[in-house]
Amino acid sequence: MQRIATGSYQNLLVAPEQLFPEDGHIPRLALQLKDLKFAKRVDFFFVDEAHFIVITGEAQTGGKLPFRAAYGYFATGL
């Protein structure tokens, strides 16, 4: 995380759970993104398994919770 925080990498491959708070937990990367200086150094986020955004990020039929809710948060933006 230290090398990411100091700007050693401009492209990051991340799981969506690293970008959004959930159940009161705020991941370190999500906190780091609040630092405008850091956020400007990141050129791209590549989201692992992005093809799951719709099918796993939304509530399922019958009121079941999403399999991986963080994928659904992309609809609100970063």
N, C-alpha and C. Protein backbone atom coordinates (compact mmCIF):
# COMPACT_ATOMS: atom_id res chain seq x y z
N MET A 1 0.82 -1.19 0.00
CA MET A 1 0.00 0.00 0.00
C MET A 1 0.87 1.26 0.00
N GLN A 2 2.02 1.19 0.65
CA GLN A 2 2.90 2.36 0.71
C GLN A 2 3.34 2.80 -0.69
N ARG A 3 3.68 1.85 -1.55
CA ARG A 3 4.11 2.21 -2.90
C ARG A 3 2.96 2.78 -3.70
N ILE A 4 1.77 2.31 -3.47
CA ILE A 4 0.59 2.88 -4.14
C ILE A 4 0.39 4.31 -3.64
N ALA A 5 0.46 4.51 -2.33
CA ALA A 5 0.24 5.82 -1.73
C ALA A 5 1.26 6.85 -2.19
N THR A 6 2.49 6.43 -2.48
CA THR A 6 3.51 7.38 -2.90
C THR A 6 3.53 7.62 -4.40
N GLY A 7 2.61 6.97 -5.12
CA GLY A 7 2.50 7.23 -6.55
C GLY A 7 3.39 6.38 -7.43
N SER A 8 3.88 5.27 -6.92
CA SER A 8 4.73 4.39 -7.72
C SER A 8 3.97 3.76 -8.88
N TYR A 9 2.66 3.66 -8.74
CA TYR A 9 1.83 3.05 -9.78
C TYR A 9 0.76 4.04 -10.21
N GLN A 10 0.53 4.14 -11.51
CA GLN A 10 -0.51 5.02 -12.01
C GLN A 10 -1.74 4.26 -12.48
N ASN A 11 -1.59 2.97 -12.70
CA ASN A 11 -2.70 2.12 -13.11
C ASN A 11 -2.88 1.05 -12.04
N LEU A 12 -4.11 0.90 -11.57
CA LEU A 12 -4.37 -0.04 -10.49
C LEU A 12 -5.42 -1.06 -10.92
N LEU A 13 -5.14 -2.32 -10.67
CA LEU A 13 -6.09 -3.40 -10.88
C LEU A 13 -6.66 -3.73 -9.51
N VAL A 14 -7.94 -3.46 -9.33
CA VAL A 14 -8.53 -3.59 -8.00
C VAL A 14 -9.85 -4.36 -8.04
N ALA A 15 -10.19 -4.92 -6.90
CA ALA A 15 -11.52 -5.47 -6.71
C ALA A 15 -12.41 -4.31 -6.25
N PRO A 16 -13.66 -4.28 -6.65
CA PRO A 16 -14.51 -3.15 -6.30
C PRO A 16 -14.68 -2.96 -4.79
N GLU A 17 -14.52 -4.01 -4.02
CA GLU A 17 -14.63 -3.89 -2.57
C GLU A 17 -13.56 -2.97 -1.98
N GLN A 18 -12.50 -2.69 -2.72
CA GLN A 18 -11.44 -1.80 -2.26
C GLN A 18 -11.78 -0.33 -2.46
N LEU A 19 -12.85 -0.05 -3.19
CA LEU A 19 -13.18 1.33 -3.54
C LEU A 19 -14.34 1.92 -2.76
N PHE A 20 -15.16 1.07 -2.14
CA PHE A 20 -16.38 1.54 -1.51
C PHE A 20 -16.50 1.05 -0.07
N PRO A 21 -16.97 1.92 0.84
CA PRO A 21 -17.22 1.49 2.22
C PRO A 21 -18.36 0.48 2.25
N GLU A 22 -18.28 -0.46 3.19
CA GLU A 22 -19.36 -1.43 3.34
C GLU A 22 -19.41 -1.91 4.79
N ASP A 23 -20.60 -1.93 5.34
CA ASP A 23 -20.82 -2.40 6.72
C ASP A 23 -19.92 -1.68 7.72
N GLY A 24 -19.74 -0.38 7.54
CA GLY A 24 -18.94 0.41 8.47
C GLY A 24 -17.44 0.33 8.26
N HIS A 25 -17.00 -0.50 7.34
CA HIS A 25 -15.56 -0.63 7.05
C HIS A 25 -15.21 0.20 5.83
N ILE A 26 -14.18 1.04 5.95
CA ILE A 26 -13.71 1.83 4.82
C ILE A 26 -12.32 1.31 4.44
N PRO A 27 -12.19 0.69 3.26
CA PRO A 27 -10.88 0.16 2.85
C PRO A 27 -9.83 1.27 2.74
N ARG A 28 -8.58 0.89 2.93
CA ARG A 28 -7.49 1.88 2.87
C ARG A 28 -7.43 2.60 1.54
N LEU A 29 -7.67 1.88 0.44
CA LEU A 29 -7.63 2.53 -0.86
C LEU A 29 -8.74 3.56 -0.99
N ALA A 30 -9.92 3.26 -0.49
CA ALA A 30 -11.03 4.22 -0.52
C ALA A 30 -10.67 5.48 0.27
N LEU A 31 -10.03 5.30 1.41
CA LEU A 31 -9.59 6.45 2.20
C LEU A 31 -8.53 7.26 1.46
N GLN A 32 -7.59 6.57 0.84
CA GLN A 32 -6.51 7.23 0.11
C GLN A 32 -7.06 8.06 -1.05
N LEU A 33 -8.14 7.59 -1.68
CA LEU A 33 -8.72 8.31 -2.81
C LEU A 33 -9.33 9.65 -2.42
N LYS A 34 -9.58 9.85 -1.14
CA LYS A 34 -10.09 11.15 -0.69
C LYS A 34 -9.01 12.23 -0.74
N ASP A 35 -7.76 11.80 -0.81
CA ASP A 35 -6.62 12.72 -0.93
C ASP A 35 -6.51 13.13 -2.40
N LEU A 36 -6.85 14.36 -2.71
CA LEU A 36 -6.89 14.83 -4.09
C LEU A 36 -5.53 14.69 -4.78
N LYS A 37 -4.46 14.94 -4.06
CA LYS A 37 -3.12 14.80 -4.64
C LYS A 37 -2.89 13.36 -5.10
N PHE A 38 -3.28 12.40 -4.28
CA PHE A 38 -3.16 11.00 -4.65
C PHE A 38 -4.08 10.66 -5.82
N ALA A 39 -5.32 11.07 -5.73
CA ALA A 39 -6.31 10.73 -6.76
C ALA A 39 -5.89 11.24 -8.14
N LYS A 40 -5.24 12.38 -8.20
CA LYS A 40 -4.79 12.93 -9.49
C LYS A 40 -3.66 12.11 -10.11
N ARG A 41 -2.92 11.38 -9.29
CA ARG A 41 -1.82 10.56 -9.81
C ARG A 41 -2.29 9.25 -10.42
N VAL A 42 -3.50 8.85 -10.12
CA VAL A 42 -4.02 7.58 -10.65
C VAL A 42 -4.65 7.86 -12.01
N ASP A 43 -4.12 7.20 -13.04
CA ASP A 43 -4.66 7.39 -14.38
C ASP A 43 -5.86 6.49 -14.65
N PHE A 44 -5.76 5.22 -14.25
CA PHE A 44 -6.81 4.25 -14.54
C PHE A 44 -7.02 3.29 -13.39
N PHE A 45 -8.27 2.90 -13.21
CA PHE A 45 -8.62 1.77 -12.36
C PHE A 45 -9.12 0.69 -13.28
N PHE A 46 -8.53 -0.45 -13.20
CA PHE A 46 -9.01 -1.61 -13.94
C PHE A 46 -9.72 -2.49 -12.92
N VAL A 47 -10.99 -2.74 -13.16
CA VAL A 47 -11.78 -3.51 -12.20
C VAL A 47 -11.80 -4.97 -12.60
N ASP A 48 -11.28 -5.79 -11.72
CA ASP A 48 -11.25 -7.23 -11.96
C ASP A 48 -12.67 -7.76 -12.10
N GLU A 49 -12.89 -8.53 -13.14
CA GLU A 49 -14.17 -9.17 -13.42
C GLU A 49 -15.32 -8.16 -13.55
N ALA A 50 -15.08 -7.08 -14.28
CA ALA A 50 -16.08 -6.03 -14.45
C ALA A 50 -17.34 -6.52 -15.14
N HIS A 51 -17.26 -7.64 -15.84
CA HIS A 51 -18.46 -8.15 -16.49
C HIS A 51 -19.52 -8.58 -15.47
N PHE A 52 -19.17 -8.62 -14.21
CA PHE A 52 -20.13 -8.97 -13.16
C PHE A 52 -20.90 -7.77 -12.61
N ILE A 53 -20.62 -6.56 -13.08
CA ILE A 53 -21.21 -5.36 -12.49
C ILE A 53 -22.72 -5.47 -12.38
N VAL A 54 -23.39 -5.85 -13.43
CA VAL A 54 -24.85 -5.90 -13.39
C VAL A 54 -25.36 -7.14 -12.67
N ILE A 55 -24.85 -8.30 -13.02
CA ILE A 55 -25.47 -9.52 -12.49
C ILE A 55 -25.15 -9.81 -11.03
N THR A 56 -24.07 -9.31 -10.50
CA THR A 56 -23.78 -9.59 -9.09
C THR A 56 -23.95 -8.38 -8.20
N GLY A 57 -24.11 -7.19 -8.78
CA GLY A 57 -24.21 -5.98 -7.98
C GLY A 57 -25.62 -5.56 -7.63
N GLU A 58 -26.61 -6.24 -8.15
CA GLU A 58 -28.00 -5.88 -7.89
C GLU A 58 -28.68 -6.95 -7.06
N ALA A 59 -29.71 -6.53 -6.33
CA ALA A 59 -30.50 -7.49 -5.56
C ALA A 59 -31.13 -8.50 -6.50
N GLN A 60 -31.22 -9.72 -6.05
CA GLN A 60 -31.76 -10.79 -6.87
C GLN A 60 -33.26 -10.94 -6.66
N THR A 61 -33.90 -11.70 -7.52
CA THR A 61 -35.32 -11.98 -7.41
C THR A 61 -35.63 -12.56 -6.04
N GLY A 62 -36.73 -12.13 -5.48
CA GLY A 62 -37.12 -12.64 -4.16
C GLY A 62 -36.48 -11.87 -3.02
N GLY A 63 -35.86 -10.74 -3.32
CA GLY A 63 -35.28 -9.90 -2.28
C GLY A 63 -33.93 -10.36 -1.75
N LYS A 64 -33.30 -11.31 -2.42
CA LYS A 64 -31.98 -11.76 -1.98
C LYS A 64 -30.97 -10.64 -2.14
N LEU A 65 -30.06 -10.54 -1.19
CA LEU A 65 -29.01 -9.53 -1.27
C LEU A 65 -28.09 -9.81 -2.45
N PRO A 66 -27.45 -8.76 -2.99
CA PRO A 66 -26.50 -8.99 -4.08
C PRO A 66 -25.35 -9.89 -3.64
N PHE A 67 -24.84 -10.67 -4.57
CA PHE A 67 -23.71 -11.55 -4.30
C PHE A 67 -22.48 -10.73 -3.90
N ARG A 68 -22.17 -9.70 -4.67
CA ARG A 68 -21.06 -8.79 -4.37
C ARG A 68 -21.57 -7.37 -4.58
N ALA A 69 -22.10 -6.79 -3.52
CA ALA A 69 -22.77 -5.50 -3.59
C ALA A 69 -21.88 -4.38 -4.13
N ALA A 70 -20.58 -4.45 -3.92
CA ALA A 70 -19.68 -3.39 -4.37
C ALA A 70 -19.76 -3.17 -5.87
N TYR A 71 -20.03 -4.23 -6.64
CA TYR A 71 -20.18 -4.06 -8.08
C TYR A 71 -21.35 -3.13 -8.40
N GLY A 72 -22.39 -3.18 -7.63
CA GLY A 72 -23.55 -2.32 -7.85
C GLY A 72 -23.29 -0.86 -7.56
N TYR A 73 -22.27 -0.56 -6.76
CA TYR A 73 -21.97 0.82 -6.41
C TYR A 73 -21.41 1.62 -7.58
N PHE A 74 -20.96 0.95 -8.63
CA PHE A 74 -20.43 1.67 -9.78
C PHE A 74 -21.48 2.54 -10.44
N ALA A 75 -22.75 2.21 -10.26
CA ALA A 75 -23.83 3.02 -10.83
C ALA A 75 -23.83 4.42 -10.22
N THR A 76 -23.34 4.56 -8.99
CA THR A 76 -23.30 5.87 -8.33
C THR A 76 -22.04 6.63 -8.67
N GLY A 77 -21.07 5.97 -9.29
CA GLY A 77 -19.82 6.63 -9.66
C GLY A 77 -18.80 6.59 -8.55
N LEU A 78 -17.61 7.01 -8.88
CA LEU A 78 -16.52 7.03 -7.89
C LEU A 78 -16.32 8.43 -7.38
